[in-house]
Full PDB file with SEQRES, HELIX, SHEET, SSBOND, CRYST1, ORIGX, SCALE, CONECT and MASTER records, all heavy atoms in Angstrom:
SEQRES   1 A   32  ASP TRP SER LYS GLY ARG VAL THR ARG ARG ALA LEU ASP          
SEQRES   2 A   32  THR THR LEU ALA ALA ILE ASP ALA LEU PRO PRO GLY THR          
SEQRES   3 A   32  THR VAL LEU VAL ALA GLY                                      
HELIX    1 AA1 ARG A    9  ASP A   20  1                                  12    
CRYST1    1.000    1.000    1.000  90.00  90.00  90.00 P 1           1          
ORIGX1      1.000000  0.000000  0.000000        0.00000                         
ORIGX2      0.000000  1.000000  0.000000        0.00000                         
ORIGX3      0.000000  0.000000  1.000000        0.00000                         
SCALE1      1.000000  0.000000  0.000000        0.00000                         
SCALE2      0.000000  1.000000  0.000000        0.00000                         
SCALE3      0.000000  0.000000  1.000000        0.00000                         
ATOM      1  N   ASP A   1      40.381   1.426  52.605  1.00  0.00           N  
ATOM      2  CA  ASP A   1      40.485   0.028  52.218  1.00  0.00           C  
ATOM      3  C   ASP A   1      39.188  -0.379  51.502  1.00  0.00           C  
ATOM      4  O   ASP A   1      38.163  -0.663  52.110  1.00  0.00           O  
ATOM      5  CB  ASP A   1      40.651  -0.844  53.428  1.00  0.00           C  
ATOM      6  CG  ASP A   1      41.038  -2.301  53.073  1.00  0.00           C  
ATOM      7  OD1 ASP A   1      40.890  -2.635  51.881  1.00  0.00           O  
ATOM      8  OD2 ASP A   1      41.499  -3.022  53.965  1.00  0.00           O  
ATOM      9  N   TRP A   2      39.236  -0.417  50.121  1.00  0.00           N  
ATOM     10  CA  TRP A   2      38.052  -0.743  49.341  1.00  0.00           C  
ATOM     11  C   TRP A   2      37.912  -2.263  49.210  1.00  0.00           C  
ATOM     12  O   TRP A   2      36.957  -2.727  48.575  1.00  0.00           O  
ATOM     13  CB  TRP A   2      38.234  -0.147  47.927  1.00  0.00           C  
ATOM     14  CG  TRP A   2      38.148   1.345  47.919  1.00  0.00           C  
ATOM     15  CD1 TRP A   2      37.869   2.181  48.967  1.00  0.00           C  
ATOM     16  CD2 TRP A   2      38.297   2.198  46.786  1.00  0.00           C  
ATOM     17  NE1 TRP A   2      37.895   3.493  48.576  1.00  0.00           N  
ATOM     18  CE2 TRP A   2      38.169   3.514  47.240  1.00  0.00           C  
ATOM     19  CE3 TRP A   2      38.549   1.961  45.445  1.00  0.00           C  
ATOM     20  CZ2 TRP A   2      38.257   4.604  46.344  1.00  0.00           C  
ATOM     21  CZ3 TRP A   2      38.669   3.029  44.571  1.00  0.00           C  
ATOM     22  CH2 TRP A   2      38.475   4.352  45.039  1.00  0.00           C  
ATOM     23  N   SER A   3      38.798  -3.030  49.805  1.00  0.00           N  
ATOM     24  CA  SER A   3      38.669  -4.507  49.749  1.00  0.00           C  
ATOM     25  C   SER A   3      37.581  -5.018  50.776  1.00  0.00           C  
ATOM     26  O   SER A   3      37.173  -6.173  50.592  1.00  0.00           O  
ATOM     27  CB  SER A   3      39.998  -5.179  50.064  1.00  0.00           C  
ATOM     28  OG  SER A   3      40.302  -5.082  51.466  1.00  0.00           O  
ATOM     29  N   LYS A   4      37.212  -4.183  51.704  1.00  0.00           N  
ATOM     30  CA  LYS A   4      36.235  -4.622  52.658  1.00  0.00           C  
ATOM     31  C   LYS A   4      34.819  -4.626  52.085  1.00  0.00           C  
ATOM     32  O   LYS A   4      34.576  -4.057  51.043  1.00  0.00           O  
ATOM     33  CB  LYS A   4      36.333  -3.748  53.883  1.00  0.00           C  
ATOM     34  CG  LYS A   4      37.672  -3.702  54.560  1.00  0.00           C  
ATOM     35  CD  LYS A   4      38.194  -5.085  54.880  1.00  0.00           C  
ATOM     36  CE  LYS A   4      39.566  -5.018  55.579  1.00  0.00           C  
ATOM     37  NZ  LYS A   4      40.114  -6.365  55.821  1.00  0.00           N  
ATOM     38  N   GLY A   5      33.934  -5.289  52.800  1.00  0.00           N  
ATOM     39  CA  GLY A   5      32.548  -5.502  52.280  1.00  0.00           C  
ATOM     40  C   GLY A   5      31.687  -4.268  52.473  1.00  0.00           C  
ATOM     41  O   GLY A   5      31.857  -3.434  53.362  1.00  0.00           O  
ATOM     42  N   ARG A   6      30.669  -4.208  51.579  1.00  0.00           N  
ATOM     43  CA  ARG A   6      29.668  -3.160  51.720  1.00  0.00           C  
ATOM     44  C   ARG A   6      28.375  -3.645  51.056  1.00  0.00           C  
ATOM     45  O   ARG A   6      28.398  -4.166  49.918  1.00  0.00           O  
ATOM     46  CB  ARG A   6      30.139  -1.876  50.937  1.00  0.00           C  
ATOM     47  CG  ARG A   6      29.132  -0.731  51.055  1.00  0.00           C  
ATOM     48  CD  ARG A   6      29.561   0.447  50.229  1.00  0.00           C  
ATOM     49  NE  ARG A   6      28.504   1.489  50.206  1.00  0.00           N  
ATOM     50  CZ  ARG A   6      28.343   2.355  49.242  1.00  0.00           C  
ATOM     51  NH1 ARG A   6      29.121   2.303  48.174  1.00  0.00           N  
ATOM     52  NH2 ARG A   6      27.429   3.249  49.263  1.00  0.00           N  
ATOM     53  N   VAL A   7      27.313  -3.543  51.771  1.00  0.00           N  
ATOM     54  CA  VAL A   7      25.991  -3.905  51.258  1.00  0.00           C  
ATOM     55  C   VAL A   7      25.161  -2.614  51.189  1.00  0.00           C  
ATOM     56  O   VAL A   7      24.763  -2.039  52.165  1.00  0.00           O  
ATOM     57  CB  VAL A   7      25.238  -4.938  52.141  1.00  0.00           C  
ATOM     58  CG1 VAL A   7      23.853  -5.265  51.543  1.00  0.00           C  
ATOM     59  CG2 VAL A   7      26.067  -6.195  52.324  1.00  0.00           C  
ATOM     60  N   THR A   8      24.940  -2.162  49.952  1.00  0.00           N  
ATOM     61  CA  THR A   8      24.162  -0.932  49.723  1.00  0.00           C  
ATOM     62  C   THR A   8      22.681  -1.298  49.934  1.00  0.00           C  
ATOM     63  O   THR A   8      22.268  -2.439  49.820  1.00  0.00           O  
ATOM     64  CB  THR A   8      24.404  -0.373  48.359  1.00  0.00           C  
ATOM     65  OG1 THR A   8      23.883  -1.291  47.353  1.00  0.00           O  
ATOM     66  CG2 THR A   8      25.874  -0.079  48.100  1.00  0.00           C  
ATOM     67  N   ARG A   9      21.868  -0.234  50.115  1.00  0.00           N  
ATOM     68  CA  ARG A   9      20.429  -0.448  50.211  1.00  0.00           C  
ATOM     69  C   ARG A   9      19.898  -1.015  48.874  1.00  0.00           C  
ATOM     70  O   ARG A   9      18.978  -1.840  48.935  1.00  0.00           O  
ATOM     71  CB  ARG A   9      19.779   0.871  50.574  1.00  0.00           C  
ATOM     72  CG  ARG A   9      20.053   1.310  51.998  1.00  0.00           C  
ATOM     73  CD  ARG A   9      19.163   2.505  52.393  1.00  0.00           C  
ATOM     74  NE  ARG A   9      19.480   2.918  53.809  1.00  0.00           N  
ATOM     75  CZ  ARG A   9      18.951   2.313  54.860  1.00  0.00           C  
ATOM     76  NH1 ARG A   9      18.091   1.338  54.731  1.00  0.00           N  
ATOM     77  NH2 ARG A   9      19.253   2.766  56.097  1.00  0.00           N  
ATOM     78  N   ARG A  10      20.429  -0.567  47.800  1.00  0.00           N  
ATOM     79  CA  ARG A  10      19.973  -1.044  46.471  1.00  0.00           C  
ATOM     80  C   ARG A  10      20.266  -2.534  46.365  1.00  0.00           C  
ATOM     81  O   ARG A  10      19.403  -3.340  45.875  1.00  0.00           O  
ATOM     82  CB  ARG A  10      20.627  -0.277  45.404  1.00  0.00           C  
ATOM     83  CG  ARG A  10      20.204  -0.707  43.990  1.00  0.00           C  
ATOM     84  CD  ARG A  10      20.899   0.161  42.928  1.00  0.00           C  
ATOM     85  NE  ARG A  10      20.499  -0.245  41.601  1.00  0.00           N  
ATOM     86  CZ  ARG A  10      20.977   0.365  40.522  1.00  0.00           C  
ATOM     87  NH1 ARG A  10      21.861   1.341  40.565  1.00  0.00           N  
ATOM     88  NH2 ARG A  10      20.606  -0.067  39.303  1.00  0.00           N  
ATOM     89  N   ALA A  11      21.490  -2.940  46.715  1.00  0.00           N  
ATOM     90  CA  ALA A  11      21.816  -4.352  46.614  1.00  0.00           C  
ATOM     91  C   ALA A  11      20.955  -5.220  47.542  1.00  0.00           C  
ATOM     92  O   ALA A  11      20.484  -6.292  47.131  1.00  0.00           O  
ATOM     93  CB  ALA A  11      23.294  -4.573  46.967  1.00  0.00           C  
ATOM     94  N   LEU A  12      20.713  -4.721  48.745  1.00  0.00           N  
ATOM     95  CA  LEU A  12      19.865  -5.517  49.673  1.00  0.00           C  
ATOM     96  C   LEU A  12      18.423  -5.589  49.177  1.00  0.00           C  
ATOM     97  O   LEU A  12      17.825  -6.619  49.215  1.00  0.00           O  
ATOM     98  CB  LEU A  12      19.906  -4.834  51.090  1.00  0.00           C  
ATOM     99  CG  LEU A  12      19.022  -5.514  52.138  1.00  0.00           C  
ATOM    100  CD1 LEU A  12      19.420  -6.975  52.343  1.00  0.00           C  
ATOM    101  CD2 LEU A  12      19.122  -4.745  53.453  1.00  0.00           C  
ATOM    102  N   ASP A  13      17.901  -4.459  48.628  1.00  0.00           N  
ATOM    103  CA  ASP A  13      16.551  -4.454  48.139  1.00  0.00           C  
ATOM    104  C   ASP A  13      16.403  -5.447  46.983  1.00  0.00           C  
ATOM    105  O   ASP A  13      15.358  -6.114  46.864  1.00  0.00           O  
ATOM    106  CB  ASP A  13      16.131  -3.061  47.675  1.00  0.00           C  
ATOM    107  CG  ASP A  13      15.939  -2.087  48.853  1.00  0.00           C  
ATOM    108  OD1 ASP A  13      15.765  -2.587  50.004  1.00  0.00           O  
ATOM    109  OD2 ASP A  13      15.898  -0.864  48.618  1.00  0.00           O  
ATOM    110  N   THR A  14      17.409  -5.540  46.147  1.00  0.00           N  
ATOM    111  CA  THR A  14      17.370  -6.472  44.975  1.00  0.00           C  
ATOM    112  C   THR A  14      17.280  -7.919  45.507  1.00  0.00           C  
ATOM    113  O   THR A  14      16.483  -8.716  44.984  1.00  0.00           O  
ATOM    114  CB  THR A  14      18.623  -6.302  44.088  1.00  0.00           C  
ATOM    115  OG1 THR A  14      18.638  -4.956  43.550  1.00  0.00           O  
ATOM    116  CG2 THR A  14      18.639  -7.296  42.967  1.00  0.00           C  
ATOM    117  N   THR A  15      18.113  -8.232  46.549  1.00  0.00           N  
ATOM    118  CA  THR A  15      18.064  -9.560  47.070  1.00  0.00           C  
ATOM    119  C   THR A  15      16.752  -9.890  47.770  1.00  0.00           C  
ATOM    120  O   THR A  15      16.174 -10.933  47.550  1.00  0.00           O  
ATOM    121  CB  THR A  15      19.242  -9.736  48.069  1.00  0.00           C  
ATOM    122  OG1 THR A  15      20.474  -9.598  47.359  1.00  0.00           O  
ATOM    123  CG2 THR A  15      19.214 -11.099  48.753  1.00  0.00           C  
ATOM    124  N   LEU A  16      16.279  -8.898  48.540  1.00  0.00           N  
ATOM    125  CA  LEU A  16      14.988  -9.137  49.256  1.00  0.00           C  
ATOM    126  C   LEU A  16      13.834  -9.285  48.270  1.00  0.00           C  
ATOM    127  O   LEU A  16      12.924 -10.114  48.510  1.00  0.00           O  
ATOM    128  CB  LEU A  16      14.743  -7.998  50.208  1.00  0.00           C  
ATOM    129  CG  LEU A  16      15.755  -7.806  51.370  1.00  0.00           C  
ATOM    130  CD1 LEU A  16      15.365  -6.608  52.183  1.00  0.00           C  
ATOM    131  CD2 LEU A  16      15.875  -9.038  52.187  1.00  0.00           C  
ATOM    132  N   ALA A  17      13.828  -8.535  47.203  1.00  0.00           N  
ATOM    133  CA  ALA A  17      12.777  -8.684  46.190  1.00  0.00           C  
ATOM    134  C   ALA A  17      12.781 -10.058  45.544  1.00  0.00           C  
ATOM    135  O   ALA A  17      11.775 -10.639  45.306  1.00  0.00           O  
ATOM    136  CB  ALA A  17      12.932  -7.593  45.124  1.00  0.00           C  
ATOM    137  N   ALA A  18      14.004 -10.548  45.286  1.00  0.00           N  
ATOM    138  CA  ALA A  18      14.108 -11.933  44.712  1.00  0.00           C  
ATOM    139  C   ALA A  18      13.605 -12.998  45.682  1.00  0.00           C  
ATOM    140  O   ALA A  18      12.916 -13.916  45.273  1.00  0.00           O  
ATOM    141  CB  ALA A  18      15.575 -12.197  44.312  1.00  0.00           C  
ATOM    142  N   ILE A  19      13.894 -12.804  46.969  1.00  0.00           N  
ATOM    143  CA  ILE A  19      13.406 -13.720  47.975  1.00  0.00           C  
ATOM    144  C   ILE A  19      11.865 -13.687  48.058  1.00  0.00           C  
ATOM    145  O   ILE A  19      11.166 -14.691  48.105  1.00  0.00           O  
ATOM    146  CB  ILE A  19      14.041 -13.479  49.337  1.00  0.00           C  
ATOM    147  CG1 ILE A  19      15.565 -13.720  49.299  1.00  0.00           C  
ATOM    148  CG2 ILE A  19      13.381 -14.300  50.459  1.00  0.00           C  
ATOM    149  CD1 ILE A  19      16.273 -13.292  50.549  1.00  0.00           C  
ATOM    150  N   ASP A  20      11.356 -12.450  48.074  1.00  0.00           N  
ATOM    151  CA  ASP A  20       9.899 -12.261  48.216  1.00  0.00           C  
ATOM    152  C   ASP A  20       9.124 -12.832  47.015  1.00  0.00           C  
ATOM    153  O   ASP A  20       7.941 -13.186  47.180  1.00  0.00           O  
ATOM    154  CB  ASP A  20       9.566 -10.798  48.402  1.00  0.00           C  
ATOM    155  CG  ASP A  20      10.072 -10.223  49.736  1.00  0.00           C  
ATOM    156  OD1 ASP A  20      10.375 -11.038  50.622  1.00  0.00           O  
ATOM    157  OD2 ASP A  20      10.200  -8.994  49.840  1.00  0.00           O  
ATOM    158  N   ALA A  21       9.807 -12.931  45.861  1.00  0.00           N  
ATOM    159  CA  ALA A  21       9.115 -13.465  44.697  1.00  0.00           C  
ATOM    160  C   ALA A  21       9.092 -14.974  44.626  1.00  0.00           C  
ATOM    161  O   ALA A  21       8.428 -15.511  43.771  1.00  0.00           O  
ATOM    162  CB  ALA A  21       9.837 -12.955  43.433  1.00  0.00           C  
ATOM    163  N   LEU A  22       9.783 -15.617  45.559  1.00  0.00           N  
ATOM    164  CA  LEU A  22       9.793 -17.101  45.532  1.00  0.00           C  
ATOM    165  C   LEU A  22       8.505 -17.666  46.043  1.00  0.00           C  
ATOM    166  O   LEU A  22       7.829 -17.047  46.866  1.00  0.00           O  
ATOM    167  CB  LEU A  22      10.990 -17.586  46.360  1.00  0.00           C  
ATOM    168  CG  LEU A  22      12.395 -17.231  45.841  1.00  0.00           C  
ATOM    169  CD1 LEU A  22      13.425 -17.551  46.936  1.00  0.00           C  
ATOM    170  CD2 LEU A  22      12.671 -17.979  44.576  1.00  0.00           C  
ATOM    171  N   PRO A  23       8.152 -18.904  45.662  1.00  0.00           N  
ATOM    172  CA  PRO A  23       6.950 -19.547  46.173  1.00  0.00           C  
ATOM    173  C   PRO A  23       7.054 -19.712  47.700  1.00  0.00           C  
ATOM    174  O   PRO A  23       8.150 -19.948  48.242  1.00  0.00           O  
ATOM    175  CB  PRO A  23       6.939 -20.901  45.457  1.00  0.00           C  
ATOM    176  CG  PRO A  23       7.772 -20.721  44.246  1.00  0.00           C  
ATOM    177  CD  PRO A  23       8.826 -19.704  44.623  1.00  0.00           C  
ATOM    178  N   PRO A  24       5.968 -19.583  48.422  1.00  0.00           N  
ATOM    179  CA  PRO A  24       5.962 -19.795  49.888  1.00  0.00           C  
ATOM    180  C   PRO A  24       6.544 -21.226  50.204  1.00  0.00           C  
ATOM    181  O   PRO A  24       6.265 -22.173  49.525  1.00  0.00           O  
ATOM    182  CB  PRO A  24       4.479 -19.728  50.256  1.00  0.00           C  
ATOM    183  CG  PRO A  24       3.907 -18.882  49.173  1.00  0.00           C  
ATOM    184  CD  PRO A  24       4.608 -19.233  47.942  1.00  0.00           C  
ATOM    185  N   GLY A  25       7.293 -21.252  51.286  1.00  0.00           N  
ATOM    186  CA  GLY A  25       7.906 -22.523  51.715  1.00  0.00           C  
ATOM    187  C   GLY A  25       9.243 -22.855  51.075  1.00  0.00           C  
ATOM    188  O   GLY A  25       9.805 -23.914  51.409  1.00  0.00           O  
ATOM    189  N   THR A  26       9.744 -22.002  50.165  1.00  0.00           N  
ATOM    190  CA  THR A  26      11.019 -22.270  49.526  1.00  0.00           C  
ATOM    191  C   THR A  26      12.154 -22.084  50.542  1.00  0.00           C  
ATOM    192  O   THR A  26      12.174 -21.100  51.229  1.00  0.00           O  
ATOM    193  CB  THR A  26      11.255 -21.326  48.330  1.00  0.00           C  
ATOM    194  OG1 THR A  26      10.239 -21.498  47.419  1.00  0.00           O  
ATOM    195  CG2 THR A  26      12.603 -21.587  47.664  1.00  0.00           C  
ATOM    196  N   THR A  27      13.033 -23.034  50.596  1.00  0.00           N  
ATOM    197  CA  THR A  27      14.284 -22.876  51.414  1.00  0.00           C  
ATOM    198  C   THR A  27      15.199 -21.966  50.650  1.00  0.00           C  
ATOM    199  O   THR A  27      15.449 -22.187  49.448  1.00  0.00           O  
ATOM    200  CB  THR A  27      14.945 -24.250  51.658  1.00  0.00           C  
ATOM    201  OG1 THR A  27      14.030 -25.099  52.339  1.00  0.00           O  
ATOM    202  CG2 THR A  27      16.197 -24.086  52.457  1.00  0.00           C  
ATOM    203  N   VAL A  28      15.707 -20.935  51.361  1.00  0.00           N  
ATOM    204  CA  VAL A  28      16.529 -19.920  50.675  1.00  0.00           C  
ATOM    205  C   VAL A  28      17.948 -19.912  51.254  1.00  0.00           C  
ATOM    206  O   VAL A  28      18.152 -19.798  52.456  1.00  0.00           O  
ATOM    207  CB  VAL A  28      15.920 -18.524  50.800  1.00  0.00           C  
ATOM    208  CG1 VAL A  28      16.795 -17.464  50.081  1.00  0.00           C  
ATOM    209  CG2 VAL A  28      14.507 -18.521  50.223  1.00  0.00           C  
ATOM    210  N   LEU A  29      18.934 -19.959  50.359  1.00  0.00           N  
ATOM    211  CA  LEU A  29      20.307 -19.670  50.687  1.00  0.00           C  
ATOM    212  C   LEU A  29      20.734 -18.385  49.975  1.00  0.00           C  
ATOM    213  O   LEU A  29      20.403 -18.236  48.755  1.00  0.00           O  
ATOM    214  CB  LEU A  29      21.233 -20.849  50.222  1.00  0.00           C  
ATOM    215  CG  LEU A  29      20.981 -22.196  50.871  1.00  0.00           C  
ATOM    216  CD1 LEU A  29      21.895 -23.273  50.201  1.00  0.00           C  
ATOM    217  CD2 LEU A  29      21.279 -22.120  52.399  1.00  0.00           C  
ATOM    218  N   VAL A  30      21.429 -17.509  50.655  1.00  0.00           N  
ATOM    219  CA  VAL A  30      21.908 -16.256  50.054  1.00  0.00           C  
ATOM    220  C   VAL A  30      23.411 -16.357  49.911  1.00  0.00           C  
ATOM    221  O   VAL A  30      24.087 -16.751  50.873  1.00  0.00           O  
ATOM    222  CB  VAL A  30      21.524 -15.082  50.924  1.00  0.00           C  
ATOM    223  CG1 VAL A  30      22.184 -13.786  50.439  1.00  0.00           C  
ATOM    224  CG2 VAL A  30      19.990 -14.897  51.007  1.00  0.00           C  
ATOM    225  N   ALA A  31      23.898 -16.025  48.728  1.00  0.00           N  
ATOM    226  CA  ALA A  31      25.337 -16.145  48.449  1.00  0.00           C  
ATOM    227  C   ALA A  31      25.920 -14.734  48.175  1.00  0.00           C  
ATOM    228  O   ALA A  31      25.438 -13.967  47.360  1.00  0.00           O  
ATOM    229  CB  ALA A  31      25.543 -17.026  47.224  1.00  0.00           C  
ATOM    230  N   GLY A  32      26.984 -14.402  48.895  1.00  0.00           N  
ATOM    231  CA  GLY A  32      27.750 -13.178  48.663  1.00  0.00           C  
ATOM    232  C   GLY A  32      29.234 -13.451  48.910  1.00  0.00           C  
ATOM    233  O   GLY A  32      29.628 -14.615  49.171  1.00  0.00           O  
TER     234      GLY A  32                                                      
MASTER        0    0    0    1    0    0    0    6  233    1    0    3          
END                                                                             
């Protein structure tokens, strides 16, 4: 069943890098 979700390490690293680049104190919402 390919309809189910999958978070690869690459996808997670991309999201975490974007969060880490934000100014301190920024409220973050993640959308998937």
